[in-house]
């Protein structure tokens, strides 16, 4: 993980913690860089509403990519770090939504 300059997180009604109109609980604080357009979005629905192309999942060979952004502490995590963090940010210990695991197949090759 590394602390990055604030990243622009795209989406519908996105706030400074990366919560959006679709997912806005206290734990919905990550954004994902989409492989297809290299932009960060709060969720898949935000991506679908904003662009005219289908999302592309990250292949396992690229899980070292810093493609996850914590909206709480503004750090980035590699996909591997995120998938292995047990729903806790390794930088700030903020809790991530465990329900996101239900959507991993939309973002990551499993």
N, C-alpha and C. Protein backbone atom coordinates (compact mmCIF):
# COMPACT_ATOMS: atom_id res chain seq x y z
N UNK A 1 0.83 -1.17 0.00
CA UNK A 1 0.00 0.00 0.00
C UNK A 1 0.87 1.24 0.00
N UNK A 2 0.32 2.31 -0.51
CA UNK A 2 1.07 3.56 -0.50
C UNK A 2 0.11 4.72 -0.43
N UNK A 3 0.55 5.81 0.16
CA UNK A 3 -0.26 7.02 0.22
C UNK A 3 -0.06 7.75 -1.11
N UNK A 4 -1.16 8.09 -1.71
CA UNK A 4 -1.11 8.74 -3.02
C UNK A 4 -1.72 10.13 -2.93
N UNK A 5 -1.46 10.92 -3.94
CA UNK A 5 -2.18 12.17 -4.06
C UNK A 5 -3.65 11.80 -4.22
N UNK A 6 -4.54 12.64 -3.74
CA UNK A 6 -5.96 12.29 -3.88
C UNK A 6 -6.30 11.91 -5.32
N UNK A 7 -7.03 10.86 -5.43
CA UNK A 7 -7.42 10.32 -6.73
C UNK A 7 -8.83 10.78 -7.05
N UNK A 8 -9.07 11.09 -8.29
CA UNK A 8 -10.42 11.45 -8.70
C UNK A 8 -11.23 10.17 -8.80
N UNK A 9 -12.30 10.11 -8.06
CA UNK A 9 -13.18 8.96 -8.08
C UNK A 9 -14.46 9.37 -8.80
N UNK A 10 -14.74 8.71 -9.89
CA UNK A 10 -15.91 9.02 -10.70
C UNK A 10 -17.12 8.25 -10.20
N UNK A 11 -18.28 8.78 -10.50
CA UNK A 11 -19.50 8.07 -10.16
C UNK A 11 -20.65 9.01 -9.87
N UNK A 12 -21.76 8.43 -9.50
CA UNK A 12 -22.98 9.17 -9.23
C UNK A 12 -23.04 9.54 -7.76
N UNK A 13 -23.02 10.82 -7.48
CA UNK A 13 -23.13 11.29 -6.10
C UNK A 13 -21.96 10.89 -5.22
N UNK A 14 -20.78 10.80 -5.78
CA UNK A 14 -19.60 10.37 -5.03
C UNK A 14 -19.14 11.47 -4.08
N UNK A 15 -18.88 11.07 -2.83
CA UNK A 15 -18.37 12.04 -1.85
C UNK A 15 -16.87 11.83 -1.63
N UNK A 16 -16.31 12.57 -0.69
CA UNK A 16 -14.86 12.53 -0.46
C UNK A 16 -14.37 11.19 0.08
N UNK A 17 -15.27 10.33 0.55
CA UNK A 17 -14.88 9.01 1.05
C UNK A 17 -15.15 7.91 0.01
N UNK A 18 -15.49 8.29 -1.19
CA UNK A 18 -15.78 7.42 -2.33
C UNK A 18 -17.11 6.68 -2.20
N UNK A 19 -17.97 7.11 -1.29
CA UNK A 19 -19.31 6.55 -1.22
C UNK A 19 -20.13 7.16 -2.35
N UNK A 20 -21.06 6.38 -2.89
CA UNK A 20 -21.82 6.86 -4.05
C UNK A 20 -23.32 6.68 -3.82
N UNK A 21 -24.09 7.03 -4.83
CA UNK A 21 -25.54 6.90 -4.74
C UNK A 21 -25.98 5.44 -4.57
N UNK A 22 -25.15 4.51 -5.04
CA UNK A 22 -25.51 3.09 -4.99
C UNK A 22 -25.07 2.41 -3.71
N UNK A 23 -23.88 2.77 -3.23
CA UNK A 23 -23.30 2.16 -2.03
C UNK A 23 -22.76 3.28 -1.15
N UNK A 24 -23.38 3.47 0.01
CA UNK A 24 -23.01 4.62 0.84
C UNK A 24 -23.04 4.33 2.34
N UNK A 25 -22.83 3.07 2.72
CA UNK A 25 -22.73 2.77 4.15
C UNK A 25 -21.37 3.26 4.66
N UNK A 26 -21.19 3.24 5.95
CA UNK A 26 -19.92 3.65 6.55
C UNK A 26 -18.75 2.81 6.02
N UNK A 27 -19.02 1.61 5.56
CA UNK A 27 -17.97 0.70 5.09
C UNK A 27 -17.75 0.75 3.58
N UNK A 28 -18.57 1.48 2.86
CA UNK A 28 -18.42 1.58 1.41
C UNK A 28 -17.45 2.70 1.07
N UNK A 29 -16.17 2.42 1.30
CA UNK A 29 -15.16 3.49 1.20
C UNK A 29 -14.01 3.14 0.27
N UNK A 30 -14.22 2.22 -0.64
CA UNK A 30 -13.15 1.96 -1.62
C UNK A 30 -13.63 2.31 -3.01
N UNK A 31 -12.69 2.67 -3.83
CA UNK A 31 -12.93 2.86 -5.26
C UNK A 31 -12.00 1.91 -6.00
N UNK A 32 -12.43 1.52 -7.17
CA UNK A 32 -11.65 0.57 -7.97
C UNK A 32 -11.28 1.22 -9.29
N UNK A 33 -10.00 1.09 -9.65
CA UNK A 33 -9.58 1.53 -10.97
C UNK A 33 -9.99 0.45 -11.96
N UNK A 34 -10.76 0.85 -12.94
CA UNK A 34 -11.21 -0.11 -13.94
C UNK A 34 -10.12 -0.30 -14.98
N UNK A 35 -9.82 -1.54 -15.27
CA UNK A 35 -8.78 -1.87 -16.23
C UNK A 35 -9.09 -1.31 -17.61
N UNK A 36 -10.35 -1.33 -17.98
CA UNK A 36 -10.76 -0.93 -19.32
C UNK A 36 -10.51 0.55 -19.61
N UNK A 37 -10.61 1.40 -18.63
CA UNK A 37 -10.48 2.83 -18.90
C UNK A 37 -9.49 3.53 -17.97
N UNK A 38 -8.86 2.76 -17.07
CA UNK A 38 -7.84 3.26 -16.15
C UNK A 38 -8.33 4.40 -15.27
N UNK A 39 -9.64 4.48 -15.06
CA UNK A 39 -10.22 5.50 -14.19
C UNK A 39 -10.80 4.81 -12.96
N UNK A 40 -10.81 5.53 -11.84
CA UNK A 40 -11.37 5.02 -10.60
C UNK A 40 -12.86 5.35 -10.55
N UNK A 41 -13.65 4.35 -10.18
CA UNK A 41 -15.09 4.51 -9.99
C UNK A 41 -15.46 3.93 -8.63
N UNK A 42 -16.52 4.49 -8.05
CA UNK A 42 -16.96 4.02 -6.74
C UNK A 42 -17.55 2.62 -6.80
N UNK A 43 -18.18 2.27 -7.94
CA UNK A 43 -18.77 0.94 -8.07
C UNK A 43 -19.04 0.64 -9.54
N UNK A 44 -19.44 -0.56 -9.80
CA UNK A 44 -19.72 -0.99 -11.18
C UNK A 44 -20.90 -0.23 -11.78
N UNK A 45 -21.90 0.08 -10.95
CA UNK A 45 -23.04 0.83 -11.46
C UNK A 45 -22.62 2.24 -11.87
N UNK A 46 -21.76 2.85 -11.10
CA UNK A 46 -21.24 4.18 -11.46
C UNK A 46 -20.52 4.11 -12.80
N UNK A 47 -19.71 3.07 -13.00
CA UNK A 47 -19.00 2.89 -14.27
C UNK A 47 -19.99 2.74 -15.41
N UNK A 48 -21.00 1.90 -15.23
CA UNK A 48 -21.99 1.65 -16.28
C UNK A 48 -22.75 2.92 -16.66
N UNK A 49 -23.04 3.77 -15.67
CA UNK A 49 -23.77 5.00 -15.93
C UNK A 49 -22.92 6.05 -16.65
N UNK A 50 -21.62 5.96 -16.51
CA UNK A 50 -20.74 7.02 -17.01
C UNK A 50 -20.09 6.75 -18.36
N UNK A 51 -19.94 5.49 -18.73
CA UNK A 51 -19.19 5.17 -19.95
C UNK A 51 -20.02 4.33 -20.91
N UNK A 52 -19.52 4.21 -22.12
CA UNK A 52 -20.24 3.45 -23.14
C UNK A 52 -19.51 2.17 -23.53
N UNK A 53 -18.79 1.59 -22.59
CA UNK A 53 -18.10 0.33 -22.86
C UNK A 53 -18.28 -0.62 -21.67
N UNK A 54 -18.11 -1.87 -21.93
CA UNK A 54 -18.22 -2.89 -20.88
C UNK A 54 -16.98 -2.89 -20.00
N UNK A 55 -17.15 -3.17 -18.72
CA UNK A 55 -15.97 -3.26 -17.86
C UNK A 55 -15.13 -4.49 -18.20
N UNK A 56 -13.85 -4.40 -17.91
CA UNK A 56 -12.92 -5.51 -18.12
C UNK A 56 -12.37 -5.90 -16.76
N UNK A 57 -12.42 -7.21 -16.44
CA UNK A 57 -11.90 -7.65 -15.14
C UNK A 57 -10.38 -7.67 -15.16
N UNK A 58 -9.81 -7.45 -13.99
CA UNK A 58 -8.36 -7.51 -13.84
C UNK A 58 -7.91 -8.97 -13.86
N UNK A 59 -6.96 -9.34 -14.72
CA UNK A 59 -6.45 -10.72 -14.72
C UNK A 59 -5.54 -10.95 -13.51
N UNK A 60 -5.48 -12.18 -13.07
CA UNK A 60 -4.66 -12.53 -11.90
C UNK A 60 -3.21 -12.08 -12.07
N UNK A 61 -2.71 -12.11 -13.28
CA UNK A 61 -1.32 -11.72 -13.54
C UNK A 61 -1.06 -10.25 -13.22
N UNK A 62 -2.12 -9.46 -13.08
CA UNK A 62 -1.96 -8.02 -12.81
C UNK A 62 -2.45 -7.62 -11.42
N UNK A 63 -2.57 -8.58 -10.52
CA UNK A 63 -3.05 -8.28 -9.17
C UNK A 63 -2.06 -7.45 -8.34
N UNK A 64 -0.87 -7.22 -8.84
CA UNK A 64 0.08 -6.32 -8.16
C UNK A 64 -0.22 -4.84 -8.45
N UNK A 65 -1.12 -4.59 -9.37
CA UNK A 65 -1.48 -3.21 -9.74
C UNK A 65 -2.14 -2.48 -8.58
N UNK A 66 -1.71 -1.26 -8.35
CA UNK A 66 -2.31 -0.41 -7.31
C UNK A 66 -3.65 0.13 -7.84
N UNK A 67 -4.69 -0.67 -7.74
CA UNK A 67 -5.97 -0.34 -8.36
C UNK A 67 -7.11 -0.16 -7.36
N UNK A 68 -6.79 -0.16 -6.08
CA UNK A 68 -7.82 0.04 -5.05
C UNK A 68 -7.46 1.29 -4.25
N UNK A 69 -8.45 2.12 -4.03
CA UNK A 69 -8.25 3.40 -3.34
C UNK A 69 -9.12 3.45 -2.10
N UNK A 70 -8.52 3.67 -0.95
CA UNK A 70 -9.26 3.80 0.30
C UNK A 70 -9.72 5.25 0.43
N UNK A 71 -11.01 5.45 0.44
CA UNK A 71 -11.57 6.79 0.57
C UNK A 71 -11.42 7.37 1.96
N UNK A 72 -11.03 6.55 2.92
CA UNK A 72 -10.84 7.04 4.28
C UNK A 72 -9.48 7.70 4.44
N UNK A 73 -8.41 6.98 4.07
CA UNK A 73 -7.05 7.51 4.30
C UNK A 73 -6.35 7.95 3.01
N UNK A 74 -7.01 7.73 1.87
CA UNK A 74 -6.48 8.14 0.56
C UNK A 74 -5.25 7.35 0.13
N UNK A 75 -5.09 6.14 0.64
CA UNK A 75 -3.99 5.29 0.21
C UNK A 75 -4.47 4.36 -0.91
N UNK A 76 -3.53 3.84 -1.66
CA UNK A 76 -3.87 2.85 -2.67
C UNK A 76 -3.33 1.50 -2.24
N UNK A 77 -4.01 0.48 -2.66
CA UNK A 77 -3.61 -0.90 -2.38
C UNK A 77 -3.55 -1.64 -3.70
N UNK A 78 -2.68 -2.61 -3.74
CA UNK A 78 -2.70 -3.49 -4.90
C UNK A 78 -3.96 -4.34 -4.79
N UNK A 79 -4.36 -4.91 -5.89
CA UNK A 79 -5.52 -5.81 -5.87
C UNK A 79 -5.25 -6.97 -4.91
N UNK A 80 -4.04 -7.52 -4.95
CA UNK A 80 -3.69 -8.62 -4.06
C UNK A 80 -3.78 -8.21 -2.60
N UNK A 81 -3.29 -7.01 -2.27
CA UNK A 81 -3.39 -6.52 -0.89
C UNK A 81 -4.85 -6.40 -0.46
N UNK A 82 -5.66 -5.84 -1.35
CA UNK A 82 -7.07 -5.67 -1.04
C UNK A 82 -7.76 -7.02 -0.82
N UNK A 83 -7.53 -7.96 -1.72
CA UNK A 83 -8.18 -9.26 -1.60
C UNK A 83 -7.72 -10.01 -0.36
N UNK A 84 -6.54 -9.69 0.15
CA UNK A 84 -6.02 -10.38 1.32
C UNK A 84 -6.13 -9.61 2.63
N UNK A 85 -6.80 -8.48 2.63
CA UNK A 85 -6.78 -7.61 3.81
C UNK A 85 -7.86 -7.90 4.83
N UNK A 86 -8.72 -8.86 4.60
CA UNK A 86 -9.79 -9.24 5.53
C UNK A 86 -10.70 -8.05 5.86
N UNK A 87 -10.99 -7.24 4.83
CA UNK A 87 -11.93 -6.12 4.93
C UNK A 87 -11.51 -5.02 5.91
N UNK A 88 -10.21 -4.88 6.10
CA UNK A 88 -9.66 -3.81 6.94
C UNK A 88 -8.55 -3.14 6.16
N UNK A 89 -8.59 -1.82 6.05
CA UNK A 89 -7.52 -1.11 5.35
C UNK A 89 -6.21 -1.32 6.11
N UNK A 90 -5.17 -1.81 5.44
CA UNK A 90 -3.90 -2.04 6.12
C UNK A 90 -3.20 -0.74 6.52
N UNK A 91 -3.61 0.39 5.96
CA UNK A 91 -2.99 1.67 6.30
C UNK A 91 -3.67 2.35 7.48
N UNK A 92 -5.01 2.44 7.44
CA UNK A 92 -5.72 3.21 8.47
C UNK A 92 -6.64 2.37 9.35
N UNK A 93 -6.75 1.09 9.06
CA UNK A 93 -7.60 0.15 9.78
C UNK A 93 -9.09 0.44 9.68
N UNK A 94 -9.50 1.25 8.70
CA UNK A 94 -10.94 1.46 8.46
C UNK A 94 -11.54 0.16 7.94
N UNK A 95 -12.77 -0.08 8.32
CA UNK A 95 -13.46 -1.30 7.89
C UNK A 95 -14.03 -1.12 6.49
N UNK A 96 -13.79 -2.11 5.62
CA UNK A 96 -14.36 -2.15 4.29
C UNK A 96 -15.61 -3.03 4.33
N UNK A 97 -16.51 -2.83 3.41
CA UNK A 97 -17.75 -3.59 3.35
C UNK A 97 -17.47 -5.03 2.95
N UNK A 98 -17.75 -6.00 3.83
CA UNK A 98 -17.50 -7.40 3.48
C UNK A 98 -18.40 -7.88 2.35
N UNK A 99 -19.52 -7.21 2.13
CA UNK A 99 -20.42 -7.58 1.05
C UNK A 99 -19.83 -7.36 -0.33
N UNK A 100 -18.78 -6.56 -0.42
CA UNK A 100 -18.13 -6.34 -1.71
C UNK A 100 -17.62 -7.64 -2.31
N UNK A 101 -17.32 -8.61 -1.47
CA UNK A 101 -16.83 -9.90 -1.97
C UNK A 101 -17.84 -10.55 -2.91
N UNK A 102 -19.12 -10.24 -2.75
CA UNK A 102 -20.15 -10.78 -3.64
C UNK A 102 -20.01 -10.27 -5.06
N UNK A 103 -19.24 -9.19 -5.25
CA UNK A 103 -19.09 -8.57 -6.56
C UNK A 103 -17.68 -8.72 -7.14
N UNK A 104 -16.80 -9.43 -6.47
CA UNK A 104 -15.42 -9.55 -6.95
C UNK A 104 -15.35 -10.04 -8.39
N UNK A 105 -16.25 -10.94 -8.77
CA UNK A 105 -16.22 -11.49 -10.13
C UNK A 105 -16.46 -10.42 -11.19
N UNK A 106 -17.03 -9.29 -10.80
CA UNK A 106 -17.25 -8.19 -11.74
C UNK A 106 -16.00 -7.37 -11.98
N UNK A 107 -15.03 -7.48 -11.07
CA UNK A 107 -13.82 -6.67 -11.11
C UNK A 107 -12.53 -7.46 -11.32
N UNK A 108 -12.49 -8.67 -10.74
CA UNK A 108 -11.25 -9.44 -10.68
C UNK A 108 -11.45 -10.85 -11.19
N UNK A 109 -10.45 -11.34 -11.96
CA UNK A 109 -10.44 -12.72 -12.39
C UNK A 109 -10.22 -13.57 -11.14
N UNK A 110 -11.04 -14.54 -10.94
CA UNK A 110 -10.92 -15.36 -9.71
C UNK A 110 -10.64 -16.75 -10.16
